[in-house]
Structure formats: structure tokens, C-alpha cells
Amino acid sequence: MKGIFSKRSLAIYLLFVLMIVAFTPAVMAKGNDVPGTYPTRPGVILVTPDKFGGVLPLGHAAIIRTSTTVVESTSKGVIMGANNWNHVKDNCYAVTVKTTTPLQDEQASVWCENQRYKPYNYNFFNTSTRSRFYCSQLIWAAFKDKYGIDLNTSAFGNAIHPLELVTTPKTEIIFSK
């Protein structure tokens, strides 16, 4: 296959998608009744299980940078986006790391912002790279590199699915829609 994916990359990607399909329903059932107000505090992690293009259950993650902006990694790479997930996502969670302070959370969001313009990481199992990022890897790397907090779970091995940022025992849900 010619294009952006090698055969190996495509196989890894398809394996990741299959694992997500198996994992997503269990996560979506968690936290639906959590009360709260939509967050604007820098460093709060946003996660959606919404399907990409309405079809693939890939989910997405971002970190709040300011009351009106988030840092996220999309196919365009690491970019700034609007903090409007409560209006544009069908479902979303806001989580905070249990052992960090609001200042540390904000510094994690600054770390993510400092990665702007880096390309998208299509190799979901290569979390050690800091030259490119996928959405949940970006947030995981901020807390791992700055504070030694590993938000990954064993659900996907080295790969970090966005919903793992919700299911890890190291975060707590502060908003759910």
C-alpha cells in the first residue's frame, strides 16, 4: 500500500482501532451522572468518546490552556483549539489529576502549548517520541515528563487511548456530559 501508511503502520493502526472498539462501551458507561460545571481552569483534561467522522470510535483528548482555548493534537499536528467542547461534542469528560495542584496543571498545559506545530504521531505505540504527538500522548507526556505521573493504563499496552485518561485511577472526573 502506498501513501502515508506503511504496511506495518497500517497494521498497528487497525489493531489500535479494534482494541478501541472493544474498550469504548465500558468507558462510556462510567461517569455519566457526575454533576459539575463545564471547566475553564488551565490544565483540566478534556476527553470525548465521540466517533471520528461519526463512524470510528477513536475518541479525542485536549488540555485546557485558557478559559477559551485548549491545546490538542489533530491530523494537522499540535494546535490551539476552542474550549467549547460542552457545545460541540455529544459526550465529554473533564478530568483532573488527583495528585497535582492547579498551578502544576496549568504548567502541564503550558508544556503542551510549547509543543505547538509539531506533527501528528501516527504510531500510537511509540509514546517515547517528543518530536510528534497524538492527542492523548501529548497530555500523557506533559504529566509524565514534568511530574513523573504516568496516566497510561495497561488496556492498550504502550498506546494511550484518550479514554484511558478518564479510567486511570490517577484522575478524577469533575464534569461529564
N, C-alpha and C. Protein backbone atom coordinates (compact mmCIF):
# COMPACT_ATOMS: atom_id res chain seq x y z
N MET A 1 0.84 -1.18 0.00
CA MET A 1 0.00 0.00 0.00
C MET A 1 0.88 1.23 0.00
N LYS A 2 0.64 2.12 -0.94
CA LYS A 2 1.41 3.36 -0.99
C LYS A 2 0.58 4.47 -0.37
N GLY A 3 1.25 5.43 0.21
CA GLY A 3 0.56 6.54 0.85
C GLY A 3 1.24 6.90 2.15
N ILE A 4 0.47 7.41 3.08
CA ILE A 4 1.06 7.87 4.34
C ILE A 4 1.36 6.73 5.30
N PHE A 5 0.73 5.55 5.09
CA PHE A 5 0.93 4.44 5.99
C PHE A 5 1.77 3.35 5.33
N SER A 6 2.75 2.83 6.03
CA SER A 6 3.42 1.61 5.59
C SER A 6 2.52 0.45 5.98
N LYS A 7 2.81 -0.74 5.51
CA LYS A 7 2.00 -1.91 5.89
C LYS A 7 2.03 -2.10 7.40
N ARG A 8 3.20 -1.92 8.00
CA ARG A 8 3.33 -2.10 9.45
C ARG A 8 2.53 -1.04 10.19
N SER A 9 2.63 0.23 9.76
CA SER A 9 1.89 1.30 10.42
C SER A 9 0.39 1.08 10.30
N LEU A 10 -0.05 0.63 9.13
CA LEU A 10 -1.47 0.37 8.92
C LEU A 10 -1.94 -0.77 9.82
N ALA A 11 -1.13 -1.81 9.95
CA ALA A 11 -1.48 -2.93 10.82
C ALA A 11 -1.57 -2.48 12.27
N ILE A 12 -0.63 -1.67 12.71
CA ILE A 12 -0.66 -1.14 14.08
C ILE A 12 -1.90 -0.29 14.28
N TYR A 13 -2.20 0.57 13.32
CA TYR A 13 -3.37 1.45 13.40
C TYR A 13 -4.65 0.63 13.49
N LEU A 14 -4.79 -0.39 12.63
CA LEU A 14 -6.00 -1.22 12.64
C LEU A 14 -6.13 -1.99 13.95
N LEU A 15 -5.03 -2.48 14.48
CA LEU A 15 -5.06 -3.15 15.77
C LEU A 15 -5.53 -2.20 16.86
N PHE A 16 -5.03 -0.97 16.82
CA PHE A 16 -5.43 0.04 17.80
C PHE A 16 -6.93 0.32 17.69
N VAL A 17 -7.45 0.45 16.48
CA VAL A 17 -8.88 0.71 16.28
C VAL A 17 -9.71 -0.45 16.81
N LEU A 18 -9.29 -1.69 16.55
CA LEU A 18 -10.03 -2.84 17.05
C LEU A 18 -10.05 -2.88 18.57
N MET A 19 -8.93 -2.53 19.20
CA MET A 19 -8.89 -2.50 20.66
C MET A 19 -9.82 -1.42 21.19
N ILE A 20 -9.89 -0.30 20.49
CA ILE A 20 -10.76 0.80 20.90
C ILE A 20 -12.22 0.38 20.84
N VAL A 21 -12.60 -0.30 19.78
CA VAL A 21 -13.98 -0.75 19.62
C VAL A 21 -14.37 -1.64 20.80
N ALA A 22 -13.47 -2.49 21.23
CA ALA A 22 -13.76 -3.38 22.36
C ALA A 22 -13.79 -2.63 23.68
N PHE A 23 -13.04 -1.56 23.80
CA PHE A 23 -12.84 -0.86 25.07
C PHE A 23 -13.88 0.25 25.31
N THR A 24 -14.33 0.92 24.27
CA THR A 24 -15.15 2.12 24.39
C THR A 24 -16.46 1.92 25.14
N PRO A 25 -17.28 0.88 24.89
CA PRO A 25 -18.56 0.78 25.59
C PRO A 25 -18.43 0.76 27.10
N ALA A 26 -17.42 0.10 27.64
CA ALA A 26 -17.25 0.04 29.09
C ALA A 26 -16.93 1.40 29.67
N VAL A 27 -16.18 2.20 28.96
CA VAL A 27 -15.81 3.52 29.45
C VAL A 27 -16.99 4.47 29.36
N MET A 28 -17.75 4.38 28.28
CA MET A 28 -18.85 5.30 28.09
C MET A 28 -19.90 5.16 29.19
N ALA A 29 -20.00 3.99 29.79
CA ALA A 29 -20.98 3.78 30.85
C ALA A 29 -20.53 4.39 32.17
N LYS A 30 -19.29 4.80 32.26
CA LYS A 30 -18.74 5.32 33.51
C LYS A 30 -18.88 6.83 33.58
N GLY A 31 -19.37 7.33 34.71
CA GLY A 31 -19.31 8.76 34.97
C GLY A 31 -20.42 9.59 34.35
N ASN A 32 -21.46 8.99 33.82
CA ASN A 32 -22.49 9.78 33.17
C ASN A 32 -23.29 10.65 34.12
N ASP A 33 -23.29 10.34 35.40
CA ASP A 33 -24.08 11.11 36.36
C ASP A 33 -23.26 12.06 37.21
N VAL A 34 -22.04 12.34 36.79
CA VAL A 34 -21.18 13.23 37.56
C VAL A 34 -21.68 14.66 37.40
N PRO A 35 -22.06 15.30 38.53
CA PRO A 35 -22.51 16.69 38.42
C PRO A 35 -21.31 17.62 38.26
N GLY A 36 -21.57 18.83 37.88
CA GLY A 36 -20.48 19.80 37.80
C GLY A 36 -20.73 20.82 36.71
N THR A 37 -19.89 21.81 36.73
CA THR A 37 -19.95 22.88 35.75
C THR A 37 -18.82 22.67 34.76
N TYR A 38 -19.07 23.01 33.51
CA TYR A 38 -18.03 22.85 32.49
C TYR A 38 -16.80 23.67 32.89
N PRO A 39 -15.62 23.06 32.87
CA PRO A 39 -14.41 23.72 33.38
C PRO A 39 -13.78 24.72 32.41
N THR A 40 -13.12 25.69 33.00
CA THR A 40 -12.32 26.65 32.23
C THR A 40 -10.92 26.79 32.80
N ARG A 41 -10.61 26.01 33.84
CA ARG A 41 -9.31 26.12 34.52
C ARG A 41 -8.21 25.50 33.68
N PRO A 42 -7.10 26.22 33.48
CA PRO A 42 -5.97 25.67 32.73
C PRO A 42 -5.47 24.37 33.36
N GLY A 43 -5.21 23.40 32.50
CA GLY A 43 -4.68 22.12 32.96
C GLY A 43 -5.71 21.04 33.15
N VAL A 44 -6.99 21.38 33.06
CA VAL A 44 -8.02 20.34 33.11
C VAL A 44 -7.98 19.59 31.78
N ILE A 45 -8.09 18.28 31.86
CA ILE A 45 -8.03 17.41 30.68
C ILE A 45 -9.45 17.16 30.18
N LEU A 46 -9.66 17.35 28.89
CA LEU A 46 -10.95 17.07 28.25
C LEU A 46 -10.82 15.81 27.40
N VAL A 47 -11.83 14.95 27.48
CA VAL A 47 -11.84 13.71 26.72
C VAL A 47 -13.24 13.48 26.16
N THR A 48 -13.32 13.09 24.91
CA THR A 48 -14.60 12.70 24.33
C THR A 48 -14.49 11.30 23.74
N PRO A 49 -15.53 10.49 23.92
CA PRO A 49 -15.57 9.19 23.25
C PRO A 49 -16.24 9.29 21.88
N ASP A 50 -16.62 10.49 21.47
CA ASP A 50 -17.33 10.67 20.20
C ASP A 50 -16.57 10.01 19.06
N LYS A 51 -17.31 9.50 18.11
CA LYS A 51 -16.72 8.80 16.98
C LYS A 51 -16.19 9.78 15.95
N PHE A 52 -15.00 9.48 15.42
CA PHE A 52 -14.39 10.28 14.38
C PHE A 52 -15.22 10.13 13.11
N GLY A 53 -15.67 11.25 12.57
CA GLY A 53 -16.49 11.21 11.37
C GLY A 53 -17.81 10.49 11.60
N GLY A 54 -18.21 10.35 12.87
CA GLY A 54 -19.44 9.65 13.18
C GLY A 54 -19.35 8.14 13.03
N VAL A 55 -18.15 7.61 12.75
CA VAL A 55 -18.01 6.19 12.46
C VAL A 55 -17.01 5.49 13.38
N LEU A 56 -15.75 5.93 13.38
CA LEU A 56 -14.70 5.25 14.14
C LEU A 56 -14.65 5.75 15.58
N PRO A 57 -14.74 4.83 16.54
CA PRO A 57 -14.74 5.24 17.96
C PRO A 57 -13.33 5.51 18.48
N LEU A 58 -12.67 6.50 17.91
CA LEU A 58 -11.30 6.80 18.31
C LEU A 58 -11.23 7.68 19.54
N GLY A 59 -12.23 8.54 19.75
CA GLY A 59 -12.18 9.48 20.85
C GLY A 59 -11.16 10.58 20.57
N HIS A 60 -11.07 11.51 21.50
CA HIS A 60 -10.14 12.63 21.35
C HIS A 60 -9.89 13.21 22.74
N ALA A 61 -8.73 13.84 22.91
CA ALA A 61 -8.37 14.47 24.18
C ALA A 61 -7.70 15.80 23.91
N ALA A 62 -7.85 16.71 24.86
CA ALA A 62 -7.21 18.03 24.80
C ALA A 62 -6.97 18.47 26.24
N ILE A 63 -6.20 19.52 26.41
CA ILE A 63 -5.97 20.09 27.73
C ILE A 63 -6.31 21.57 27.67
N ILE A 64 -7.03 22.03 28.68
CA ILE A 64 -7.42 23.44 28.70
C ILE A 64 -6.18 24.29 28.94
N ARG A 65 -5.99 25.29 28.07
CA ARG A 65 -4.87 26.23 28.21
C ARG A 65 -5.33 27.54 28.83
N THR A 66 -6.45 28.08 28.35
CA THR A 66 -7.08 29.27 28.94
C THR A 66 -8.57 28.99 29.01
N SER A 67 -9.31 29.92 29.56
CA SER A 67 -10.76 29.71 29.66
C SER A 67 -11.41 29.52 28.30
N THR A 68 -10.78 30.00 27.24
CA THR A 68 -11.38 29.91 25.91
C THR A 68 -10.60 29.03 24.93
N THR A 69 -9.44 28.50 25.34
CA THR A 69 -8.63 27.70 24.41
C THR A 69 -8.18 26.38 25.01
N VAL A 70 -7.92 25.42 24.13
CA VAL A 70 -7.34 24.14 24.50
C VAL A 70 -6.12 23.90 23.62
N VAL A 71 -5.24 23.01 24.08
CA VAL A 71 -4.15 22.50 23.25
C VAL A 71 -4.53 21.07 22.90
N GLU A 72 -4.41 20.73 21.62
CA GLU A 72 -4.78 19.39 21.17
C GLU A 72 -3.91 19.00 19.98
N SER A 73 -3.85 17.72 19.72
CA SER A 73 -3.15 17.25 18.53
C SER A 73 -4.17 16.61 17.61
N THR A 74 -4.22 17.13 16.40
CA THR A 74 -5.11 16.62 15.36
C THR A 74 -4.25 16.17 14.19
N SER A 75 -4.88 15.79 13.11
CA SER A 75 -4.11 15.39 11.93
C SER A 75 -3.22 16.53 11.43
N LYS A 76 -3.52 17.76 11.85
CA LYS A 76 -2.69 18.92 11.49
C LYS A 76 -1.50 19.08 12.44
N GLY A 77 -1.42 18.25 13.48
CA GLY A 77 -0.37 18.37 14.47
C GLY A 77 -0.88 19.05 15.73
N VAL A 78 0.04 19.53 16.55
CA VAL A 78 -0.33 20.16 17.82
C VAL A 78 -0.78 21.59 17.53
N ILE A 79 -2.01 21.88 17.92
CA ILE A 79 -2.62 23.17 17.62
C ILE A 79 -3.38 23.70 18.84
N MET A 80 -3.77 24.96 18.76
CA MET A 80 -4.68 25.55 19.73
C MET A 80 -6.09 25.42 19.16
N GLY A 81 -7.04 25.10 20.02
CA GLY A 81 -8.43 24.98 19.61
C GLY A 81 -9.32 25.72 20.58
N ALA A 82 -10.60 25.70 20.31
CA ALA A 82 -11.57 26.39 21.16
C ALA A 82 -11.97 25.51 22.33
N ASN A 83 -12.10 26.12 23.49
CA ASN A 83 -12.61 25.41 24.67
C ASN A 83 -14.13 25.52 24.66
N ASN A 84 -14.73 24.74 23.77
CA ASN A 84 -16.18 24.78 23.60
C ASN A 84 -16.77 23.37 23.52
N TRP A 85 -16.08 22.42 24.09
CA TRP A 85 -16.49 21.02 23.97
C TRP A 85 -17.88 20.78 24.52
N ASN A 86 -18.30 21.57 25.52
CA ASN A 86 -19.63 21.40 26.08
C ASN A 86 -20.71 21.71 25.05
N HIS A 87 -20.37 22.44 24.00
CA HIS A 87 -21.33 22.79 22.96
C HIS A 87 -21.18 21.95 21.69
N VAL A 88 -19.97 21.50 21.39
CA VAL A 88 -19.74 20.85 20.09
C VAL A 88 -19.55 19.33 20.17
N LYS A 89 -19.40 18.79 21.35
CA LYS A 89 -19.24 17.34 21.50
C LYS A 89 -20.54 16.75 22.04
N ASP A 90 -20.91 15.57 21.53
CA ASP A 90 -22.09 14.90 22.06
C ASP A 90 -21.85 14.43 23.49
N ASN A 91 -20.66 13.93 23.75
CA ASN A 91 -20.27 13.45 25.08
C ASN A 91 -18.89 13.99 25.40
N CYS A 92 -18.67 14.37 26.64
CA CYS A 92 -17.31 14.74 27.03
C CYS A 92 -17.14 14.60 28.53
N TYR A 93 -15.91 14.37 28.91
CA TYR A 93 -15.49 14.30 30.30
C TYR A 93 -14.44 15.36 30.53
N ALA A 94 -14.43 15.91 31.72
CA ALA A 94 -13.33 16.75 32.17
C ALA A 94 -12.75 16.05 33.39
N VAL A 95 -11.44 15.84 33.37
CA VAL A 95 -10.78 15.17 34.49
C VAL A 95 -9.60 16.00 34.96
N THR A 96 -9.25 15.77 36.21
CA THR A 96 -8.08 16.42 36.78
C THR A 96 -7.21 15.34 37.42
N VAL A 97 -5.93 15.54 37.42
CA VAL A 97 -5.00 14.60 38.04
C VAL A 97 -5.11 14.78 39.55
N LYS A 98 -5.29 13.68 40.26
CA LYS A 98 -5.56 13.74 41.70
C LYS A 98 -4.41 14.31 42.52
N THR A 99 -3.17 14.12 42.10
CA THR A 99 -2.02 14.47 42.95
C THR A 99 -1.33 15.77 42.54
N THR A 100 -1.91 16.52 41.63
CA THR A 100 -1.29 17.78 41.21
C THR A 100 -2.08 18.96 41.74
N THR A 101 -1.41 20.10 41.79
CA THR A 101 -2.05 21.35 42.19
C THR A 101 -2.58 22.06 40.93
N PRO A 102 -3.46 23.04 41.10
CA PRO A 102 -3.89 23.82 39.93
C PRO A 102 -2.71 24.47 39.19
N LEU A 103 -1.70 24.92 39.92
CA LEU A 103 -0.53 25.52 39.27
C LEU A 103 0.22 24.48 38.44
N GLN A 104 0.38 23.27 38.98
CA GLN A 104 1.04 22.21 38.22
C GLN A 104 0.23 21.84 36.97
N ASP A 105 -1.09 21.80 37.11
CA ASP A 105 -1.94 21.52 35.95
C ASP A 105 -1.75 22.59 34.88
N GLU A 106 -1.71 23.84 35.30
CA GLU A 106 -1.50 24.93 34.34
C GLU A 106 -0.14 24.79 33.66
N GLN A 107 0.88 24.43 34.44
CA GLN A 107 2.22 24.24 33.85
C GLN A 107 2.23 23.08 32.85
N ALA A 108 1.43 22.06 33.11
CA ALA A 108 1.30 20.96 32.13
C ALA A 108 0.67 21.47 30.84
N SER A 109 -0.29 22.38 30.96
CA SER A 109 -0.91 22.94 29.75
C SER A 109 0.08 23.83 28.99
N VAL A 110 0.95 24.53 29.72
CA VAL A 110 2.00 25.33 29.07
C VAL A 110 2.97 24.41 28.33
N TRP A 111 3.33 23.29 28.97
CA TRP A 111 4.21 22.30 28.33
C TRP A 111 3.60 21.85 27.01
N CYS A 112 2.30 21.56 27.03
CA CYS A 112 1.62 21.13 25.81
C CYS A 112 1.63 22.24 24.76
N GLU A 113 1.37 23.47 25.19
CA GLU A 113 1.39 24.60 24.25
C GLU A 113 2.77 24.75 23.61
N ASN A 114 3.81 24.48 24.37
CA ASN A 114 5.18 24.59 23.84
C ASN A 114 5.49 23.54 22.78
N GLN A 115 4.61 22.57 22.61
CA GLN A 115 4.79 21.55 21.57
C GLN A 115 4.08 21.93 20.27
N ARG A 116 3.48 23.12 20.23
CA ARG A 116 2.74 23.56 19.04
C ARG A 116 3.58 23.42 17.78
N TYR A 117 2.89 23.13 16.72
CA TYR A 117 3.44 23.00 15.36
C TYR A 117 4.19 21.68 15.14
N LYS A 118 4.30 20.85 16.17
CA LYS A 118 4.89 19.52 15.93
C LYS A 118 3.84 18.66 15.22
N PRO A 119 4.28 17.75 14.36
CA PRO A 119 3.33 16.95 13.57
C PRO A 119 2.62 15.88 14.40
N TYR A 120 1.61 15.29 13.77
CA TYR A 120 0.82 14.23 14.38
C TYR A 120 1.62 12.93 14.40
N ASN A 121 1.51 12.18 15.48
CA ASN A 121 2.17 10.89 15.62
C ASN A 121 1.18 9.79 15.24
N TYR A 122 1.39 9.17 14.09
CA TYR A 122 0.50 8.10 13.64
C TYR A 122 0.88 6.74 14.21
N ASN A 123 2.01 6.65 14.88
CA ASN A 123 2.42 5.39 15.50
C ASN A 123 2.00 5.43 16.97
N PHE A 124 0.80 4.93 17.24
CA PHE A 124 0.21 5.05 18.57
C PHE A 124 1.00 4.32 19.65
N PHE A 125 1.83 3.38 19.27
CA PHE A 125 2.60 2.64 20.26
C PHE A 125 3.96 3.28 20.56
N ASN A 126 4.34 4.29 19.80
CA ASN A 126 5.60 4.99 20.05
C ASN A 126 5.32 6.24 20.89
N THR A 127 5.18 6.01 22.18
CA THR A 127 4.89 7.13 23.09
C THR A 127 6.16 7.82 23.58
N SER A 128 7.32 7.24 23.30
CA SER A 128 8.56 7.84 23.80
C SER A 128 9.01 9.04 22.97
N THR A 129 8.53 9.17 21.75
CA THR A 129 8.95 10.30 20.92
C THR A 129 8.38 11.61 21.46
N ARG A 130 9.18 12.66 21.32
CA ARG A 130 8.70 14.01 21.66
C ARG A 130 8.79 14.92 20.42
N SER A 131 8.99 14.30 19.26
CA SER A 131 9.06 15.08 18.02
C SER A 131 7.71 15.14 17.31
N ARG A 132 6.77 14.35 17.75
CA ARG A 132 5.41 14.33 17.18
C ARG A 132 4.48 13.75 18.24
N PHE A 133 3.20 14.08 18.16
CA PHE A 133 2.25 13.67 19.20
C PHE A 133 0.89 13.32 18.62
N TYR A 134 0.22 12.33 19.21
CA TYR A 134 -1.22 12.19 19.02
C TYR A 134 -1.88 12.75 20.27
N CYS A 135 -3.19 12.93 20.24
CA CYS A 135 -3.87 13.75 21.26
C CYS A 135 -3.60 13.30 22.70
N SER A 136 -3.88 12.05 23.01
CA SER A 136 -3.72 11.60 24.40
C SER A 136 -2.26 11.43 24.79
N GLN A 137 -1.40 11.13 23.83
CA GLN A 137 0.04 11.03 24.10
C GLN A 137 0.59 12.39 24.53
N LEU A 138 0.10 13.46 23.92
CA LEU A 138 0.55 14.82 24.26
C LEU A 138 0.29 15.12 25.73
N ILE A 139 -0.92 14.84 26.19
CA ILE A 139 -1.29 15.11 27.58
C ILE A 139 -0.55 14.18 28.53
N TRP A 140 -0.49 12.90 28.18
CA TRP A 140 0.25 11.93 28.98
C TRP A 140 1.70 12.38 29.16
N ALA A 141 2.33 12.81 28.05
CA ALA A 141 3.74 13.21 28.10
C ALA A 141 3.96 14.42 29.00
N ALA A 142 3.02 15.35 29.01
CA ALA A 142 3.16 16.54 29.86
C ALA A 142 3.25 16.14 31.33
N PHE A 143 2.34 15.30 31.78
CA PHE A 143 2.34 14.91 33.19
C PHE A 143 3.47 13.92 33.50
N LYS A 144 3.83 13.08 32.55
CA LYS A 144 4.93 12.12 32.74
C LYS A 144 6.27 12.85 32.81
N ASP A 145 6.51 13.77 31.87
CA ASP A 145 7.80 14.45 31.81
C ASP A 145 7.97 15.48 32.92
N LYS A 146 6.91 16.19 33.24
CA LYS A 146 7.02 17.25 34.25
C LYS A 146 6.98 16.72 35.68
N TYR A 147 6.13 15.72 35.92
CA TYR A 147 5.89 15.30 37.31
C TYR A 147 6.09 13.80 37.56
N GLY A 148 6.45 13.05 36.53
CA GLY A 148 6.63 11.61 36.71
C GLY A 148 5.33 10.86 36.91
N ILE A 149 4.20 11.46 36.54
CA ILE A 149 2.90 10.83 36.72
C ILE A 149 2.51 10.13 35.41
N ASP A 150 2.38 8.81 35.47
CA ASP A 150 2.05 8.01 34.30
C ASP A 150 0.54 7.78 34.27
N LEU A 151 -0.15 8.45 33.37
CA LEU A 151 -1.61 8.34 33.27
C LEU A 151 -2.04 7.19 32.37
N ASN A 152 -1.10 6.44 31.82
CA ASN A 152 -1.44 5.30 30.97
C ASN A 152 -1.94 4.15 31.84
N THR A 153 -2.78 3.31 31.26
CA THR A 153 -3.20 2.07 31.91
C THR A 153 -2.66 0.92 31.08
N SER A 154 -2.95 -0.28 31.47
CA SER A 154 -2.46 -1.45 30.71
C SER A 154 -3.41 -1.85 29.59
N ALA A 155 -4.50 -1.13 29.41
CA ALA A 155 -5.54 -1.54 28.45
C ALA A 155 -5.02 -1.71 27.03
N PHE A 156 -4.10 -0.87 26.59
CA PHE A 156 -3.59 -0.92 25.22
C PHE A 156 -2.08 -1.02 25.17
N GLY A 157 -1.47 -1.53 26.21
CA GLY A 157 -0.02 -1.60 26.24
C GLY A 157 0.56 -0.19 26.27
N ASN A 158 1.54 0.07 25.40
CA ASN A 158 2.16 1.41 25.37
C ASN A 158 1.24 2.47 24.81
N ALA A 159 0.33 2.09 23.92
CA ALA A 159 -0.57 3.08 23.32
C ALA A 159 -1.48 3.67 24.40
N ILE A 160 -1.81 4.94 24.23
CA ILE A 160 -2.63 5.64 25.21
C ILE A 160 -3.92 6.09 24.53
N HIS A 161 -5.00 5.38 24.78
CA HIS A 161 -6.30 5.76 24.24
C HIS A 161 -6.81 6.96 25.04
N PRO A 162 -7.47 7.92 24.40
CA PRO A 162 -7.97 9.08 25.15
C PRO A 162 -8.79 8.72 26.39
N LEU A 163 -9.62 7.68 26.29
CA LEU A 163 -10.47 7.33 27.43
C LEU A 163 -9.69 6.75 28.60
N GLU A 164 -8.44 6.33 28.37
CA GLU A 164 -7.61 5.90 29.49
C GLU A 164 -7.32 7.06 30.44
N LEU A 165 -7.34 8.28 29.93
CA LEU A 165 -7.14 9.46 30.79
C LEU A 165 -8.31 9.63 31.75
N VAL A 166 -9.45 9.02 31.40
CA VAL A 166 -10.63 9.04 32.27
C VAL A 166 -10.61 7.85 33.23
N THR A 167 -10.21 6.68 32.73
CA THR A 167 -10.31 5.46 33.53
C THR A 167 -9.13 5.21 34.46
N THR A 168 -8.01 5.89 34.24
CA THR A 168 -6.89 5.70 35.15
C THR A 168 -7.29 6.09 36.57
N PRO A 169 -6.83 5.36 37.56
CA PRO A 169 -7.14 5.75 38.95
C PRO A 169 -6.42 7.03 39.38
N LYS A 170 -5.58 7.58 38.52
CA LYS A 170 -4.83 8.78 38.88
C LYS A 170 -5.55 10.07 38.52
N THR A 171 -6.73 9.96 37.88
CA THR A 171 -7.53 11.16 37.59
C THR A 171 -8.91 11.00 38.21
N GLU A 172 -9.59 12.13 38.33
CA GLU A 172 -10.98 12.09 38.77
C GLU A 172 -11.83 12.95 37.84
N ILE A 173 -13.04 12.49 37.61
CA ILE A 173 -13.96 13.20 36.74
C ILE A 173 -14.55 14.39 37.50
N ILE A 174 -14.47 15.58 36.89
CA ILE A 174 -15.06 16.76 37.52
C ILE A 174 -16.22 17.32 36.70
N PHE A 175 -16.40 16.80 35.49
CA PHE A 175 -17.53 17.19 34.65
C PHE A 175 -17.79 16.06 33.67
N SER A 176 -19.06 15.84 33.39
CA SER A 176 -19.44 14.82 32.42
C SER A 176 -20.69 15.27 31.70
N LYS A 177 -20.72 15.02 30.41
CA LYS A 177 -21.90 15.35 29.60
C LYS A 177 -22.19 14.19 28.67
